[in-house]
Amino acid sequence: MADVKKQNWFKRTWGRICKYFRELKSELKKVVWSTPQQVLKNTLVVVACVLVVGVFIWMFDYVAEVCITALINLFH
């Protein structure tokens, strides 16, 4: 039987690291990057949605507080 000598750990690991970066580079070439106008538009949409949800939560909290205070005052 012929013994097949494996590469040492450093060469295997270095080969894997190099392969990872080659594949990373090729994948990054496929990415379609957003334009600054698209980024600004998407950011404004997110900020608007956060504000709307925040207002709804604030309104619900206020109504719940008024209702709970009314119930407490009713039974005291």
N, C-alpha and C. Protein backbone atom coordinates (compact mmCIF):
# COMPACT_ATOMS: atom_id res chain seq x y z
N MET A 1 0.83 -1.17 0.00
CA MET A 1 0.00 0.00 0.00
C MET A 1 0.88 1.24 0.00
N ALA A 2 0.51 2.19 -0.81
CA ALA A 2 1.27 3.44 -0.86
C ALA A 2 0.66 4.42 0.14
N ASP A 3 1.51 4.98 0.93
CA ASP A 3 1.04 5.97 1.89
C ASP A 3 0.94 7.33 1.21
N VAL A 4 -0.21 7.95 1.35
CA VAL A 4 -0.42 9.28 0.79
C VAL A 4 -0.16 10.28 1.91
N LYS A 5 0.80 11.16 1.67
CA LYS A 5 1.17 12.13 2.69
C LYS A 5 0.24 13.35 2.58
N LYS A 6 -0.36 13.69 3.70
CA LYS A 6 -1.23 14.85 3.73
C LYS A 6 -0.37 16.10 3.88
N GLN A 7 -0.92 17.22 3.36
CA GLN A 7 -0.23 18.49 3.58
C GLN A 7 -0.31 18.83 5.06
N ASN A 8 0.63 19.63 5.50
CA ASN A 8 0.59 19.98 6.92
C ASN A 8 -0.57 20.95 7.19
N TRP A 9 -0.85 21.14 8.45
CA TRP A 9 -1.99 21.93 8.87
C TRP A 9 -1.93 23.36 8.34
N PHE A 10 -0.77 23.98 8.37
CA PHE A 10 -0.62 25.37 7.94
C PHE A 10 -0.98 25.52 6.47
N LYS A 11 -0.50 24.62 5.62
CA LYS A 11 -0.78 24.73 4.18
C LYS A 11 -2.26 24.52 3.90
N ARG A 12 -2.89 23.56 4.59
CA ARG A 12 -4.33 23.34 4.40
C ARG A 12 -5.13 24.56 4.83
N THR A 13 -4.80 25.09 5.98
CA THR A 13 -5.52 26.24 6.51
C THR A 13 -5.31 27.46 5.62
N TRP A 14 -4.07 27.70 5.21
CA TRP A 14 -3.78 28.85 4.35
C TRP A 14 -4.52 28.71 3.01
N GLY A 15 -4.59 27.51 2.49
CA GLY A 15 -5.33 27.28 1.25
C GLY A 15 -6.81 27.58 1.40
N ARG A 16 -7.38 27.19 2.53
CA ARG A 16 -8.80 27.47 2.78
C ARG A 16 -9.05 28.97 2.92
N ILE A 17 -8.14 29.67 3.59
CA ILE A 17 -8.29 31.11 3.75
C ILE A 17 -8.22 31.81 2.39
N CYS A 18 -7.27 31.41 1.57
CA CYS A 18 -7.14 32.01 0.23
C CYS A 18 -8.38 31.73 -0.60
N LYS A 19 -8.88 30.51 -0.55
CA LYS A 19 -10.08 30.15 -1.30
C LYS A 19 -11.27 30.99 -0.83
N TYR A 20 -11.39 31.20 0.48
CA TYR A 20 -12.48 31.99 1.02
C TYR A 20 -12.45 33.41 0.45
N PHE A 21 -11.27 34.04 0.44
CA PHE A 21 -11.19 35.41 -0.06
C PHE A 21 -11.39 35.49 -1.57
N ARG A 22 -10.97 34.49 -2.31
CA ARG A 22 -11.24 34.48 -3.76
C ARG A 22 -12.74 34.40 -4.02
N GLU A 23 -13.43 33.54 -3.29
CA GLU A 23 -14.87 33.41 -3.45
C GLU A 23 -15.59 34.67 -2.97
N LEU A 24 -15.11 35.28 -1.90
CA LEU A 24 -15.69 36.51 -1.40
C LEU A 24 -15.59 37.62 -2.44
N LYS A 25 -14.43 37.73 -3.07
CA LYS A 25 -14.22 38.74 -4.11
C LYS A 25 -15.17 38.51 -5.28
N SER A 26 -15.34 37.27 -5.70
CA SER A 26 -16.22 37.00 -6.84
C SER A 26 -17.68 37.26 -6.48
N GLU A 27 -18.08 36.99 -5.25
CA GLU A 27 -19.46 37.27 -4.84
C GLU A 27 -19.71 38.77 -4.73
N LEU A 28 -18.73 39.52 -4.25
CA LEU A 28 -18.92 40.97 -4.12
C LEU A 28 -19.03 41.64 -5.49
N LYS A 29 -18.49 41.04 -6.52
CA LYS A 29 -18.63 41.59 -7.87
C LYS A 29 -20.07 41.45 -8.36
N LYS A 30 -20.83 40.51 -7.80
CA LYS A 30 -22.21 40.28 -8.23
C LYS A 30 -23.21 41.20 -7.52
N VAL A 31 -22.78 41.88 -6.47
CA VAL A 31 -23.69 42.70 -5.67
C VAL A 31 -24.08 43.95 -6.46
N VAL A 32 -25.37 44.28 -6.41
CA VAL A 32 -25.86 45.51 -7.02
C VAL A 32 -26.02 46.51 -5.88
N TRP A 33 -25.16 47.51 -5.86
CA TRP A 33 -25.16 48.48 -4.77
C TRP A 33 -26.23 49.54 -5.03
N SER A 34 -26.87 50.00 -3.97
CA SER A 34 -27.90 51.03 -4.07
C SER A 34 -27.25 52.39 -4.35
N THR A 35 -28.02 53.23 -5.05
CA THR A 35 -27.55 54.59 -5.27
C THR A 35 -27.80 55.42 -4.02
N PRO A 36 -27.10 56.52 -3.85
CA PRO A 36 -27.35 57.37 -2.67
C PRO A 36 -28.80 57.85 -2.59
N GLN A 37 -29.44 58.07 -3.73
CA GLN A 37 -30.84 58.51 -3.72
C GLN A 37 -31.74 57.40 -3.18
N GLN A 38 -31.47 56.15 -3.56
CA GLN A 38 -32.26 55.03 -3.05
C GLN A 38 -32.06 54.86 -1.55
N VAL A 39 -30.83 55.02 -1.10
CA VAL A 39 -30.54 54.89 0.33
C VAL A 39 -31.28 55.96 1.11
N LEU A 40 -31.26 57.20 0.61
CA LEU A 40 -31.96 58.30 1.29
C LEU A 40 -33.46 58.05 1.32
N LYS A 41 -34.02 57.61 0.20
CA LYS A 41 -35.47 57.34 0.12
C LYS A 41 -35.85 56.23 1.11
N ASN A 42 -35.09 55.15 1.13
CA ASN A 42 -35.39 54.03 2.04
C ASN A 42 -35.24 54.46 3.50
N THR A 43 -34.25 55.29 3.79
CA THR A 43 -34.04 55.78 5.15
C THR A 43 -35.23 56.62 5.60
N LEU A 44 -35.71 57.50 4.71
CA LEU A 44 -36.86 58.33 5.06
C LEU A 44 -38.12 57.50 5.28
N VAL A 45 -38.30 56.44 4.50
CA VAL A 45 -39.45 55.56 4.69
C VAL A 45 -39.36 54.87 6.05
N VAL A 46 -38.19 54.41 6.42
CA VAL A 46 -38.02 53.74 7.71
C VAL A 46 -38.27 54.72 8.86
N VAL A 47 -37.73 55.93 8.76
CA VAL A 47 -37.94 56.92 9.82
C VAL A 47 -39.42 57.26 9.94
N ALA A 48 -40.11 57.42 8.82
CA ALA A 48 -41.55 57.72 8.85
C ALA A 48 -42.33 56.58 9.50
N CYS A 49 -42.00 55.34 9.15
CA CYS A 49 -42.69 54.19 9.76
C CYS A 49 -42.45 54.12 11.25
N VAL A 50 -41.23 54.40 11.68
CA VAL A 50 -40.92 54.37 13.11
C VAL A 50 -41.72 55.45 13.84
N LEU A 51 -41.82 56.63 13.24
CA LEU A 51 -42.60 57.70 13.87
C LEU A 51 -44.08 57.34 13.95
N VAL A 52 -44.64 56.78 12.90
CA VAL A 52 -46.05 56.41 12.91
C VAL A 52 -46.33 55.34 13.97
N VAL A 53 -45.50 54.34 14.03
CA VAL A 53 -45.68 53.29 15.03
C VAL A 53 -45.50 53.86 16.43
N GLY A 54 -44.54 54.77 16.59
CA GLY A 54 -44.33 55.41 17.89
C GLY A 54 -45.55 56.20 18.34
N VAL A 55 -46.17 56.92 17.41
CA VAL A 55 -47.37 57.68 17.74
C VAL A 55 -48.51 56.74 18.15
N PHE A 56 -48.69 55.64 17.42
CA PHE A 56 -49.74 54.68 17.78
C PHE A 56 -49.48 54.07 19.16
N ILE A 57 -48.26 53.75 19.46
CA ILE A 57 -47.94 53.19 20.78
C ILE A 57 -48.20 54.24 21.86
N TRP A 58 -47.82 55.49 21.60
CA TRP A 58 -48.05 56.56 22.57
C TRP A 58 -49.55 56.75 22.80
N MET A 59 -50.35 56.74 21.72
CA MET A 59 -51.80 56.90 21.85
C MET A 59 -52.39 55.74 22.66
N PHE A 60 -51.99 54.51 22.35
CA PHE A 60 -52.50 53.35 23.09
C PHE A 60 -52.13 53.45 24.57
N ASP A 61 -50.90 53.87 24.85
CA ASP A 61 -50.44 54.00 26.23
C ASP A 61 -51.26 55.06 26.96
N TYR A 62 -51.52 56.16 26.30
CA TYR A 62 -52.30 57.24 26.91
C TYR A 62 -53.73 56.79 27.20
N VAL A 63 -54.36 56.14 26.22
CA VAL A 63 -55.73 55.66 26.41
C VAL A 63 -55.78 54.61 27.52
N ALA A 64 -54.81 53.71 27.55
CA ALA A 64 -54.77 52.69 28.60
C ALA A 64 -54.59 53.34 29.97
N GLU A 65 -53.75 54.36 30.05
CA GLU A 65 -53.53 55.05 31.32
C GLU A 65 -54.82 55.73 31.79
N VAL A 66 -55.52 56.40 30.89
CA VAL A 66 -56.77 57.07 31.24
C VAL A 66 -57.80 56.05 31.70
N CYS A 67 -57.92 54.94 31.00
CA CYS A 67 -58.90 53.91 31.38
C CYS A 67 -58.57 53.30 32.73
N ILE A 68 -57.33 52.99 32.97
CA ILE A 68 -56.94 52.38 34.25
C ILE A 68 -57.15 53.37 35.39
N THR A 69 -56.81 54.64 35.16
CA THR A 69 -57.02 55.66 36.19
C THR A 69 -58.51 55.82 36.49
N ALA A 70 -59.34 55.79 35.43
CA ALA A 70 -60.79 55.90 35.63
C ALA A 70 -61.33 54.71 36.42
N LEU A 71 -60.85 53.51 36.11
CA LEU A 71 -61.30 52.32 36.86
C LEU A 71 -60.86 52.38 38.32
N ILE A 72 -59.65 52.83 38.56
CA ILE A 72 -59.18 52.93 39.95
C ILE A 72 -60.00 53.94 40.71
N ASN A 73 -60.28 55.10 40.09
CA ASN A 73 -61.08 56.13 40.75
C ASN A 73 -62.53 55.68 40.94
N LEU A 74 -63.03 54.87 40.04
CA LEU A 74 -64.40 54.39 40.14
C LEU A 74 -64.59 53.48 41.36
N PHE A 75 -63.59 52.67 41.67
CA PHE A 75 -63.74 51.71 42.77
C PHE A 75 -63.17 52.22 44.09
N HIS A 76 -62.68 53.43 44.13
CA HIS A 76 -62.23 53.97 45.41
C HIS A 76 -63.24 54.86 45.95
